[in-house]
């Protein structure tokens, strides 16, 4: 019997980084829900891929959308006869000139960690301030029981937080190493009984992966996988999809399924997986080892995944620093919104996960730029052929701060070739489908829950307008201004002032700086 499976070892390493953090304060800082709430005169981007339409009035009763009324035409006075009537005790918001989108879904969101010094309130408010109303927590690094408690409080709207979906790391909490299919099935059943929404895998022996994924699907739960290098040579993305997995995370396991001239990544003989510079530097060379775009094998793998209704969750943003470290390090939001402890965690380290900047420069970045080109080609073509691609952030690592990194993900989807409306659909409806929640969230339609994002500019014209810091523009008076930033986030019919949530986070960061005497410095410079 194996002393320990690779997956349990990986979970232990990850849990050390994301050990249990402080809970969010038991209070909700939104207004509502209302017996009736009418959003007046908005331009709607409904998340289905449909173009913007407006002005419309959207009527919400308690936590559900009950009516979407077309009230006129752009540039013409609104026809008051078409407007839904405000009931006694109801509330209306005059939002002419504003855009409304479905609440964003982060398919890969970790809720802080002691290594980062990021507590739940900090993370939740950054997510909500960026319009993120639902988050899948892959790994439950703070423990399943902890996440389920936060999920319960969020569902009851007792805390300011997105909807949470708990995907336990496979093997987490097991009293013994999982070394047989029978043990895997028993763990999967126990995980379901505890109330988890699904499982995140990292890899294991093929017979264990197959048994666990199939049993999980049989029980009606969903799954995802980071196909880690320690097991990917014997179990890749195609194996997972055939067994019934819902989605793959990042891109590990996909190039390996596309190999034609080899079966194992071309590791240097001095490679050590525990040395993260080795791990990530060599990963930047992996897509060039895969079959060429549109070749027979490339098409074969893509068509197999499409036929299995497999979901790709690329998390482009989390590796963005690999191709331009200076840009990621000096992103303008770090100064006001990145905690000193989180910044310390990002800095070069042989211990902190994702802080592998031992010696990173032009050669590594050039390799990663090519890696992205090939990776994005596959993802965009998968979307073009009808495949489901979702948006996930994996923030709290590699200079990607919560919320801000998610918006960067939207930008990178655009870079990959997605039309802005396709980007929004991936961030909303497709995420809901992957969660099995498309009947409740993911698009603006009557009968669905009122999870919405409101912004006073058109985000399709510039996705950077969705950043909490907005986008720099020059106004008619020749003055530099900040435009955009989400104005209101509505979750479950409750209205949150997104700018106020950001101000709260800014104060948290300022308080921490005062306490520690911290200031942003260049590495090695006093």
Protein backbone atom coordinates (compact mmCIF):
# COMPACT_ATOMS: atom_id res chain seq x y z
CA UNK A 1 0.00 0.00 0.00
CA UNK A 2 1.27 3.46 -0.83
CA UNK A 3 2.24 5.51 2.19
CA UNK A 4 0.55 8.54 0.66
CA UNK A 5 -0.94 9.41 -2.73
CA UNK A 6 0.40 12.32 -4.74
CA UNK A 7 -2.92 14.12 -4.51
CA UNK A 8 -2.97 14.12 -0.71
CA UNK A 9 0.59 15.44 -0.68
CA UNK A 10 -0.40 18.26 -3.02
CA UNK A 11 -3.45 19.09 -0.90
CA UNK A 12 -1.30 19.25 2.22
CA UNK A 13 1.10 21.65 0.48
CA UNK A 14 -1.77 23.82 -0.73
CA UNK A 15 -3.50 23.82 2.65
CA UNK A 16 -0.34 25.09 4.29
CA UNK A 17 -0.62 28.15 2.07
CA UNK A 18 -4.37 28.65 2.44
CA UNK A 19 -4.96 27.57 6.01
CA UNK A 20 -8.10 28.75 7.74
CA UNK A 21 -8.54 32.52 7.84
CA UNK A 22 -10.76 34.80 9.87
CA UNK A 23 -14.44 34.67 8.99
CA UNK A 24 -16.23 37.63 7.50
CA UNK A 25 -18.02 39.78 10.11
CA UNK A 26 -21.63 38.69 10.52
CA UNK A 27 -23.25 41.74 8.96
CA UNK A 28 -24.57 42.67 5.55
CA UNK A 29 -23.84 46.15 4.25
CA UNK A 30 -26.34 46.21 1.40
CA UNK A 31 -29.83 47.66 1.17
CA UNK A 32 -32.84 45.42 0.61
CA UNK A 33 -34.20 43.14 -0.55
CA UNK A 34 -37.29 45.15 -1.37
CA UNK A 35 -40.85 44.07 -1.94
CA UNK A 36 -40.30 45.81 -5.27
CA UNK A 37 -37.18 47.37 -6.78
CA UNK A 38 -37.26 48.96 -10.25
CA UNK A 39 -34.08 49.76 -12.14
CA UNK A 40 -35.20 52.58 -14.44
CA UNK A 41 -33.91 53.29 -17.93
CA UNK A 42 -30.90 50.97 -18.04
CA UNK A 43 -29.19 49.51 -21.09
CA UNK A 44 -29.16 45.75 -20.60
CA UNK A 45 -26.44 43.26 -21.56
CA UNK A 46 -28.25 40.05 -20.66
CA UNK A 47 -25.36 37.56 -20.72
CA UNK A 48 -26.76 35.20 -23.35
CA UNK A 49 -24.68 36.68 -26.16
CA UNK A 50 -27.42 39.11 -27.16
CA UNK A 51 -26.35 42.70 -27.92
CA UNK A 52 -27.14 45.58 -25.54
CA UNK A 53 -30.75 46.74 -25.48
CA UNK A 54 -32.31 49.77 -23.84
CA UNK A 55 -33.66 51.70 -22.26
CA UNK A 56 -35.45 49.06 -20.20
CA UNK A 57 -36.95 49.00 -16.74
CA UNK A 58 -36.08 45.88 -14.74
CA UNK A 59 -38.50 44.96 -11.98
CA UNK A 60 -37.25 42.93 -9.03
CA UNK A 61 -39.48 41.60 -6.27
CA UNK A 62 -37.52 40.49 -3.24
CA UNK A 63 -34.73 38.48 -4.88
CA UNK A 64 -36.19 37.68 -8.31
CA UNK A 65 -36.47 39.44 -11.64
CA UNK A 66 -40.18 39.55 -12.48
CA UNK A 67 -40.34 41.90 -15.47
CA UNK A 68 -38.11 43.45 -18.12
CA UNK A 69 -39.98 46.28 -19.83
CA UNK A 70 -38.84 48.02 -23.02
CA UNK A 71 -39.58 51.68 -22.29
CA UNK A 72 -38.45 53.46 -25.43
CA UNK A 73 -35.55 54.13 -27.77
CA UNK A 74 -32.04 55.60 -27.42
CA UNK A 75 -31.97 59.38 -27.70
CA UNK A 76 -35.72 59.69 -27.33
CA UNK A 77 -37.65 60.63 -24.22
CA UNK A 78 -38.80 57.56 -22.30
CA UNK A 79 -42.42 56.60 -22.80
CA UNK A 80 -43.88 56.77 -19.31
CA UNK A 81 -46.94 54.80 -20.37
CA UNK A 82 -44.74 51.77 -20.89
CA UNK A 83 -43.12 51.99 -17.49
CA UNK A 84 -44.02 49.46 -14.80
CA UNK A 85 -45.83 51.09 -11.89
CA UNK A 86 -44.08 51.47 -8.58
CA UNK A 87 -46.01 49.70 -5.85
CA UNK A 88 -46.52 51.10 -2.40
CA UNK A 89 -43.38 50.46 -0.35
CA UNK A 90 -41.31 49.85 -3.46
CA UNK A 91 -38.06 51.54 -4.44
CA UNK A 92 -36.86 52.81 -7.79
CA UNK A 93 -33.39 53.75 -8.99
CA UNK A 94 -33.04 56.22 -11.85
CA UNK A 95 -30.26 54.69 -13.93
CA UNK A 96 -30.57 56.31 -17.32
CA UNK A 97 -27.23 56.09 -19.10
CA UNK A 98 -26.16 53.10 -16.99
CA UNK A 99 -25.47 49.54 -18.14
CA UNK A 100 -26.65 46.45 -16.28
CA UNK A 101 -25.07 43.00 -16.65
CA UNK A 102 -25.61 39.66 -14.89
CA UNK A 103 -23.52 39.16 -11.76
CA UNK A 104 -20.08 37.80 -12.62
CA UNK A 105 -19.14 34.24 -11.71
CA UNK A 106 -15.59 33.45 -10.61
CA UNK A 107 -15.07 29.77 -11.29
CA UNK A 108 -11.74 29.62 -9.46
CA UNK A 109 -11.68 31.75 -6.31
CA UNK A 110 -9.72 30.98 -3.15
CA UNK A 111 -10.90 32.76 0.00
CA UNK A 112 -7.59 34.12 1.20
CA UNK A 113 -5.20 32.31 3.48
CA UNK A 114 -2.91 32.78 6.46
CA UNK A 115 0.11 32.79 4.15
CA UNK A 116 -1.31 35.81 2.37
CA UNK A 117 -2.67 37.41 5.54
CA UNK A 118 -5.91 37.98 3.64
CA UNK A 119 -9.07 37.52 5.72
CA UNK A 120 -12.50 36.70 4.34
CA UNK A 121 -13.91 40.22 4.64
CA UNK A 122 -11.06 41.63 2.55
CA UNK A 123 -11.53 38.99 -0.16
CA UNK A 124 -15.34 39.10 -0.23
CA UNK A 125 -15.49 42.89 -0.48
CA UNK A 126 -12.98 42.98 -3.33
CA UNK A 127 -15.01 40.36 -5.19
CA UNK A 128 -18.33 42.11 -4.61
CA UNK A 129 -16.83 45.51 -5.51
CA UNK A 130 -15.98 44.07 -8.92
CA UNK A 131 -19.45 42.67 -9.54
CA UNK A 132 -18.60 39.08 -8.64
CA UNK A 133 -21.74 37.58 -7.13
CA UNK A 134 -20.88 33.87 -7.25
CA UNK A 135 -17.60 32.05 -6.59
CA UNK A 136 -16.55 28.43 -6.85
CA UNK A 137 -13.94 27.72 -4.17
CA UNK A 138 -11.75 24.93 -5.57
CA UNK A 139 -9.90 23.06 -2.81
CA UNK A 140 -11.68 24.63 0.20
CA UNK A 141 -8.25 25.58 1.53
CA UNK A 142 -9.83 26.93 4.73
CA UNK A 143 -11.53 23.58 5.36
CA UNK A 144 -14.88 22.32 4.07
CA UNK A 145 -16.70 23.03 7.32
CA UNK A 146 -15.44 26.64 7.33
CA UNK A 147 -16.47 27.24 3.71
CA UNK A 148 -19.88 25.68 4.22
CA UNK A 149 -20.50 27.96 7.19
CA UNK A 150 -19.56 31.04 5.13
CA UNK A 151 -21.72 29.73 2.30
CA UNK A 152 -24.67 29.43 4.68
CA UNK A 153 -24.19 32.97 6.00
CA UNK A 154 -23.91 34.32 2.45
CA UNK A 155 -27.04 32.48 1.32
CA UNK A 156 -28.92 34.03 4.24
CA UNK A 157 -27.39 37.43 3.34
CA UNK A 158 -25.99 37.83 6.84
CA UNK A 159 -22.57 38.77 5.45
CA UNK A 160 -21.38 40.80 2.49
CA UNK A 161 -20.22 38.00 0.22
CA UNK A 162 -20.87 36.30 -3.11
CA UNK A 163 -22.71 33.01 -3.38
CA UNK A 164 -20.22 30.27 -2.56
CA UNK A 165 -19.79 26.82 -4.08
CA UNK A 166 -17.54 24.46 -2.13
CA UNK A 167 -15.41 22.04 -4.15
CA UNK A 168 -13.35 20.03 -1.68
CA UNK A 169 -9.83 18.95 -2.65
CA UNK A 170 -9.89 15.22 -3.31
CA UNK A 171 -8.67 13.35 -0.24
CA UNK A 172 -9.01 16.36 2.07
CA UNK A 173 -9.86 15.30 5.60
CA UNK A 174 -9.32 11.61 4.87
CA UNK A 175 -8.28 9.61 7.92
CA UNK A 176 -6.02 7.45 5.79
CA UNK A 177 -4.24 7.80 2.43
CA UNK A 178 -6.55 6.99 -0.47
CA UNK A 179 -4.80 4.12 -2.23
CA UNK A 180 -7.64 2.02 -3.70
CA UNK A 181 -10.73 2.71 -5.82
CA UNK A 182 -12.90 1.50 -2.96
CA UNK A 183 -11.39 4.05 -0.58
CA UNK A 184 -11.85 6.74 -3.23
CA UNK A 185 -15.54 5.92 -3.63
CA UNK A 186 -16.06 5.91 0.14
CA UNK A 187 -14.41 9.34 0.43
CA UNK A 188 -16.51 10.75 -2.43
CA UNK A 189 -19.72 9.57 -0.75
CA UNK A 190 -18.66 11.03 2.58
CA UNK A 191 -17.78 14.33 0.91
CA UNK A 192 -21.25 14.51 -0.62
CA UNK A 193 -22.90 13.73 2.71
CA UNK A 194 -20.98 16.60 4.32
CA UNK A 195 -22.63 19.03 1.91
CA UNK A 196 -19.86 19.78 -0.60
CA UNK A 197 -20.93 20.97 -4.04
CA UNK A 198 -18.17 19.09 -5.79
CA UNK A 199 -14.54 18.02 -5.84
CA UNK A 200 -11.30 19.50 -7.11
CA UNK A 201 -8.72 16.94 -8.17
CA UNK A 202 -4.99 17.36 -8.66
CA UNK A 203 -4.31 13.84 -9.90
CA UNK A 204 -3.89 10.31 -8.59
CA UNK A 205 -3.47 6.78 -9.90
CA UNK A 206 -5.73 6.24 -12.96
CA UNK A 207 -7.95 3.65 -11.28
CA UNK A 208 -8.51 6.00 -8.33
CA UNK A 209 -9.26 9.02 -10.54
CA UNK A 210 -11.68 7.03 -12.67
CA UNK A 211 -13.57 5.59 -9.70
CA UNK A 212 -13.79 8.90 -7.84
CA UNK A 213 -14.91 11.02 -10.80
CA UNK A 214 -17.56 8.51 -11.89
CA UNK A 215 -18.95 8.11 -8.38
CA UNK A 216 -19.03 11.88 -7.87
CA UNK A 217 -21.00 12.35 -11.10
CA UNK A 218 -23.32 9.48 -10.18
CA UNK A 219 -24.15 11.34 -6.95
CA UNK A 220 -25.04 14.46 -8.96
CA UNK A 221 -22.00 16.52 -7.94
CA UNK A 222 -19.60 18.34 -10.23
CA UNK A 223 -15.84 18.33 -10.45
CA UNK A 224 -12.76 20.11 -11.72
CA UNK A 225 -9.07 19.32 -11.95
CA UNK A 226 -5.67 20.96 -11.92
CA UNK A 227 -3.81 18.16 -13.68
CA UNK A 228 -0.59 18.54 -11.72
CA UNK A 229 2.68 17.39 -13.26
CA UNK A 230 3.20 14.66 -10.69
CA UNK A 231 0.35 12.59 -12.19
CA UNK A 232 -0.36 14.09 -15.61
CA UNK A 233 1.85 11.60 -17.47
CA UNK A 234 -0.66 8.88 -16.63
CA UNK A 235 -3.93 10.86 -16.49
CA UNK A 236 -4.57 13.89 -18.66
CA UNK A 237 -7.53 16.08 -19.57
CA UNK A 238 -9.05 13.61 -22.04
CA UNK A 239 -9.03 10.88 -19.39
CA UNK A 240 -10.83 13.20 -16.97
CA UNK A 241 -13.43 14.25 -19.54
CA UNK A 242 -14.19 10.65 -20.47
CA UNK A 243 -14.69 9.76 -16.80
CA UNK A 244 -17.28 12.53 -16.45
CA UNK A 245 -15.38 15.53 -15.07
CA UNK A 246 -17.04 18.94 -15.43
CA UNK A 247 -14.07 21.23 -16.07
CA UNK A 248 -10.31 21.53 -16.27
CA UNK A 249 -8.51 24.35 -14.47
CA UNK A 250 -5.65 26.38 -15.96
CA UNK A 251 -4.19 24.41 -18.85
CA UNK A 252 -2.22 21.58 -17.28
CA UNK A 253 -3.10 18.23 -18.81
CA UNK A 254 -4.19 19.69 -22.14
CA UNK A 255 -0.80 20.03 -23.88
CA UNK A 256 0.02 16.54 -22.59
CA UNK A 257 -3.10 15.21 -24.34
CA UNK A 258 -1.82 16.91 -27.51
CA UNK A 259 1.62 15.25 -27.55
CA UNK A 260 2.52 13.42 -30.76
CA UNK A 261 6.32 13.10 -30.55
CA UNK A 262 6.58 12.13 -26.87
CA UNK A 263 4.60 11.01 -23.83
CA UNK A 264 6.28 13.09 -21.11
CA UNK A 265 7.12 16.79 -20.89
CA UNK A 266 10.72 17.50 -21.91
CA UNK A 267 12.02 18.12 -18.42
CA UNK A 268 15.67 19.17 -17.99
CA UNK A 269 17.51 16.46 -16.13
CA UNK A 270 18.15 18.86 -13.25
CA UNK A 271 14.40 19.58 -12.87
CA UNK A 272 12.82 19.39 -9.42
CA UNK A 273 9.04 19.92 -9.19
CA UNK A 274 9.38 21.34 -5.66
CA UNK A 275 11.54 24.13 -7.06
CA UNK A 276 8.84 26.43 -8.38
CA UNK A 277 11.13 28.32 -10.75
CA UNK A 278 11.79 24.98 -12.43
CA UNK A 279 8.11 24.12 -12.45
CA UNK A 280 6.85 27.37 -13.96
CA UNK A 281 9.79 28.13 -16.24
CA UNK A 282 9.51 24.73 -17.91
CA UNK A 283 5.72 25.00 -18.05
CA UNK A 284 6.24 28.03 -20.30
CA UNK A 285 7.78 25.73 -22.92
CA UNK A 286 5.06 23.10 -22.84
CA UNK A 287 2.62 24.29 -25.52
CA UNK A 288 5.42 24.25 -28.12
CA UNK A 289 5.78 20.53 -27.40
CA UNK A 290 2.11 19.91 -28.28
CA UNK A 291 0.57 19.24 -31.67
CA UNK A 292 0.42 22.28 -33.93
CA UNK A 293 -2.86 24.24 -34.05
CA UNK A 294 -5.43 22.77 -36.49
CA UNK A 295 -3.35 19.62 -37.07
CA UNK A 296 -5.10 16.25 -37.12
CA UNK A 297 -4.30 15.34 -33.51
CA UNK A 298 -5.05 18.87 -32.26
CA UNK A 299 -8.48 18.69 -33.91
CA UNK A 300 -9.07 15.15 -32.64
CA UNK A 301 -8.49 16.14 -29.00
CA UNK A 302 -10.61 19.27 -29.32
CA UNK A 303 -13.49 17.38 -30.91
CA UNK A 304 -13.35 14.70 -28.20
CA UNK A 305 -13.67 17.33 -25.47
CA UNK A 306 -16.47 19.11 -27.32
CA UNK A 307 -18.42 15.87 -27.72
CA UNK A 308 -18.13 15.29 -23.96
CA UNK A 309 -19.50 18.80 -23.18
CA UNK A 310 -16.31 19.51 -21.26
CA UNK A 311 -15.71 22.97 -19.78
CA UNK A 312 -12.41 24.85 -20.00
CA UNK A 313 -11.61 27.31 -17.19
CA UNK A 314 -8.28 28.76 -18.34
CA UNK A 315 -7.48 31.35 -15.60
CA UNK A 316 -5.24 33.25 -18.03
CA UNK A 317 -4.64 36.06 -15.54
CA UNK A 318 -2.88 34.03 -12.89
CA UNK A 319 0.12 33.40 -15.18
CA UNK A 320 0.12 36.90 -16.69
CA UNK A 321 3.19 37.93 -14.69
CA UNK A 322 5.15 35.13 -16.36
CA UNK A 323 5.16 37.05 -19.63
CA UNK A 324 5.54 40.54 -18.15
CA UNK A 325 6.61 40.49 -14.53
CA UNK A 326 7.17 44.24 -14.29
CA UNK A 327 3.65 45.03 -15.47
CA UNK A 328 2.03 42.68 -12.98
CA UNK A 329 4.21 43.89 -10.09
CA UNK A 330 3.50 47.57 -10.70
CA UNK A 331 -0.25 47.39 -11.41
CA UNK A 332 -1.72 50.62 -10.07
CA UNK A 333 -4.13 49.00 -7.63
CA UNK A 334 -1.40 47.41 -5.51
CA UNK A 335 -0.67 50.70 -3.75
CA UNK A 336 -4.17 51.07 -2.29
CA UNK A 337 -5.76 47.63 -2.37
CA UNK A 338 -3.05 44.97 -1.88
CA UNK A 339 -2.43 44.18 1.78
CA UNK A 340 1.20 44.45 2.95
CA UNK A 341 1.09 40.80 3.99
CA UNK A 342 -0.20 39.80 0.55
CA UNK A 343 2.50 41.85 -1.15
CA UNK A 344 5.11 40.09 1.00
CA UNK A 345 3.65 36.75 -0.08
CA UNK A 346 3.96 37.75 -3.74
CA UNK A 347 7.64 38.69 -3.48
CA UNK A 348 10.41 36.26 -4.55
CA UNK A 349 10.58 33.35 -2.14
CA UNK A 350 11.59 29.71 -2.16
CA UNK A 351 8.75 28.96 0.26
CA UNK A 352 5.64 30.95 -0.73
CA UNK A 353 3.59 29.26 -3.47
CA UNK A 354 3.66 31.21 -6.75
CA UNK A 355 6.63 33.39 -5.70
CA UNK A 356 9.12 31.72 -7.98
CA UNK A 357 11.00 34.78 -9.21
CA UNK A 358 14.41 33.33 -8.33
CA UNK A 359 15.81 34.56 -11.63
CA UNK A 360 13.12 35.63 -14.06
CA UNK A 361 13.72 37.79 -17.12
CA UNK A 362 13.57 38.22 -20.87
CA UNK A 363 14.17 34.56 -21.80
CA UNK A 364 11.40 33.27 -19.55
CA UNK A 365 8.97 35.98 -20.63
CA UNK A 366 9.53 35.35 -24.35
CA UNK A 367 8.82 31.64 -23.83
CA UNK A 368 5.64 32.44 -21.94
CA UNK A 369 4.42 34.88 -24.59
CA UNK A 370 4.63 32.09 -27.15
CA UNK A 371 2.98 29.75 -24.65
CA UNK A 372 0.05 32.14 -24.39
CA UNK A 373 -0.27 32.48 -28.16
CA UNK A 374 -0.67 28.73 -28.61
CA UNK A 375 -2.83 28.31 -25.50
CA UNK A 376 -5.16 31.15 -26.50
CA UNK A 377 -5.48 29.72 -30.01
CA UNK A 378 -6.87 26.48 -28.59
CA UNK A 379 -9.22 28.24 -26.16
CA UNK A 380 -10.60 30.62 -28.78
CA UNK A 381 -11.18 27.87 -31.33
CA UNK A 382 -12.84 25.72 -28.65
CA UNK A 383 -15.27 28.59 -28.09
CA UNK A 384 -15.77 29.04 -31.83
CA UNK A 385 -16.78 25.39 -32.20
CA UNK A 386 -19.41 25.71 -29.48
CA UNK A 387 -17.36 24.73 -26.44
CA UNK A 388 -17.94 26.21 -23.01
CA UNK A 389 -15.17 28.45 -21.69
CA UNK A 390 -15.59 30.08 -18.27
CA UNK A 391 -13.77 32.78 -16.30
CA UNK A 392 -11.79 32.06 -13.16
CA UNK A 393 -9.22 34.14 -11.33
CA UNK A 394 -7.19 31.98 -8.88
CA UNK A 395 -6.22 35.27 -7.22
CA UNK A 396 -4.09 35.75 -4.15
CA UNK A 397 -1.00 34.45 -5.96
CA UNK A 398 1.53 35.68 -8.55
CA UNK A 399 0.76 39.42 -8.16
CA UNK A 400 -2.95 38.95 -8.94
CA UNK A 401 -5.06 40.65 -6.27
CA UNK A 402 -8.64 39.55 -5.63
CA UNK A 403 -11.25 41.16 -7.87
CA UNK A 404 -8.73 43.07 -9.96
CA UNK A 405 -7.30 39.82 -11.30
CA UNK A 406 -10.79 38.71 -12.34
CA UNK A 407 -11.24 41.78 -14.53
CA UNK A 408 -7.79 41.13 -15.97
CA UNK A 409 -9.12 37.68 -16.89
CA UNK A 410 -11.86 39.33 -18.95
CA UNK A 411 -9.23 41.42 -20.76
CA UNK A 412 -7.18 38.32 -21.54
CA UNK A 413 -10.22 36.53 -22.94
CA UNK A 414 -10.59 39.49 -25.28
CA UNK A 415 -6.91 39.15 -26.23
CA UNK A 416 -7.51 35.48 -27.00
CA UNK A 417 -10.05 36.50 -29.65
CA UNK A 418 -13.38 36.58 -27.80
CA UNK A 419 -15.83 39.34 -28.76
CA UNK A 420 -16.64 41.41 -25.63
CA UNK A 421 -20.14 39.89 -25.64
CA UNK A 422 -18.56 36.42 -25.70
CA UNK A 423 -16.38 37.47 -22.77
CA UNK A 424 -19.44 38.53 -20.76
CA UNK A 425 -21.24 35.29 -21.63
CA UNK A 426 -18.27 33.27 -20.37
CA UNK A 427 -18.26 35.35 -17.17
CA UNK A 428 -21.96 34.84 -16.55
CA UNK A 429 -24.16 32.27 -18.31
CA UNK A 430 -21.43 29.77 -19.08
CA UNK A 431 -20.22 29.85 -15.48
CA UNK A 432 -23.77 29.22 -14.30
CA UNK A 433 -24.07 26.27 -16.68
CA UNK A 434 -20.85 24.74 -15.42
CA UNK A 435 -22.16 25.07 -11.86
CA UNK A 436 -25.53 23.58 -12.82
CA UNK A 437 -27.16 26.88 -11.79
CA UNK A 438 -28.26 28.25 -15.18
CA UNK A 439 -31.94 28.16 -14.20
CA UNK A 440 -31.27 30.54 -11.32
CA UNK A 441 -28.33 32.80 -12.22
CA UNK A 442 -26.07 33.72 -15.12
CA UNK A 443 -28.34 35.88 -17.29
CA UNK A 444 -30.88 38.66 -16.96
CA UNK A 445 -34.18 36.90 -17.55
CA UNK A 446 -37.53 36.90 -15.80
CA UNK A 447 -37.75 34.26 -13.09
CA UNK A 448 -34.02 34.32 -12.34
CA UNK A 449 -32.39 35.59 -9.17
CA UNK A 450 -31.46 39.26 -9.08
CA UNK A 451 -27.67 39.05 -9.27
CA UNK A 452 -26.62 42.10 -11.28
CA UNK A 453 -23.77 44.51 -12.03
CA UNK A 454 -24.45 48.21 -12.68
CA UNK A 455 -21.91 50.59 -14.22
CA UNK A 456 -22.33 54.12 -15.62
CA UNK A 457 -20.32 53.53 -18.83
CA UNK A 458 -20.36 50.93 -21.59
CA UNK A 459 -17.96 48.16 -20.49
CA UNK A 460 -17.98 46.52 -23.93
CA UNK A 461 -16.03 49.48 -25.32
CA UNK A 462 -13.25 49.00 -22.78
CA UNK A 463 -13.25 46.12 -20.30
CA UNK A 464 -10.77 48.09 -18.16
CA UNK A 465 -13.72 50.24 -17.11
CA UNK A 466 -14.74 47.34 -14.85
CA UNK A 467 -11.63 47.62 -12.67
CA UNK A 468 -12.26 49.13 -9.26
CA UNK A 469 -9.76 51.81 -10.23
CA UNK A 470 -11.65 52.43 -13.46
CA UNK A 471 -9.86 53.58 -16.61
CA UNK A 472 -7.96 56.80 -17.30
CA UNK A 473 -9.63 59.07 -19.85
CA UNK A 474 -9.42 62.67 -21.04
CA UNK A 475 -12.66 64.62 -20.77
CA UNK A 476 -13.99 67.46 -22.92
CA UNK A 477 -12.29 70.01 -20.63
CA UNK A 478 -8.88 68.42 -21.30
CA UNK A 479 -8.74 67.01 -17.78
CA UNK A 480 -7.59 63.50 -16.93
CA UNK A 481 -10.37 61.58 -15.16
CA UNK A 482 -11.12 58.12 -13.89
CA UNK A 483 -14.09 56.63 -15.69
CA UNK A 484 -16.07 53.59 -14.69
CA UNK A 485 -15.62 51.17 -11.85
CA UNK A 486 -18.66 49.10 -10.91
CA UNK A 487 -21.20 51.40 -9.27
CA UNK A 488 -23.62 48.92 -7.71
CA UNK A 489 -23.52 45.16 -7.24
CA UNK A 490 -26.88 43.51 -6.64
CA UNK A 491 -26.86 40.05 -5.12
CA UNK A 492 -30.09 38.26 -4.24
CA UNK A 493 -32.01 41.52 -4.69
CA UNK A 494 -29.79 43.37 -2.19
CA UNK A 495 -28.06 46.52 -3.47
CA UNK A 496 -24.41 47.07 -2.51
CA UNK A 497 -22.51 50.28 -3.14
CA UNK A 498 -19.43 48.92 -4.92
CA UNK A 499 -17.43 52.10 -4.40
CA UNK A 500 -18.13 51.96 -0.66
CA UNK A 501 -16.91 48.36 -0.52
CA UNK A 502 -13.69 49.42 -2.23
CA UNK A 503 -13.30 52.30 0.22
CA UNK A 504 -13.61 49.80 3.08
CA UNK A 505 -10.83 47.69 1.59
CA UNK A 506 -8.66 50.73 1.04
CA UNK A 507 -9.04 51.59 4.72
CA UNK A 508 -8.14 48.01 5.73
CA UNK A 509 -4.93 48.28 3.73
CA UNK A 510 -4.13 51.72 5.13
CA UNK A 511 -4.69 50.52 8.70
CA UNK A 512 -2.37 47.57 8.10
CA UNK A 513 0.31 49.85 6.64
CA UNK A 514 0.14 52.13 9.66
CA UNK A 515 0.36 49.18 12.00
CA UNK A 516 3.40 47.68 10.28
CA UNK A 517 5.10 50.85 8.97
CA UNK A 518 5.04 49.25 5.52
CA UNK A 519 5.60 50.97 2.20
CA UNK A 520 5.94 49.62 -1.32
CA UNK A 521 9.59 49.04 -2.19
CA UNK A 522 11.58 47.65 -5.06
CA UNK A 523 13.27 44.31 -4.24
CA UNK A 524 16.80 44.84 -3.00
CA UNK A 525 16.34 48.60 -2.75
CA UNK A 526 16.27 50.34 0.63
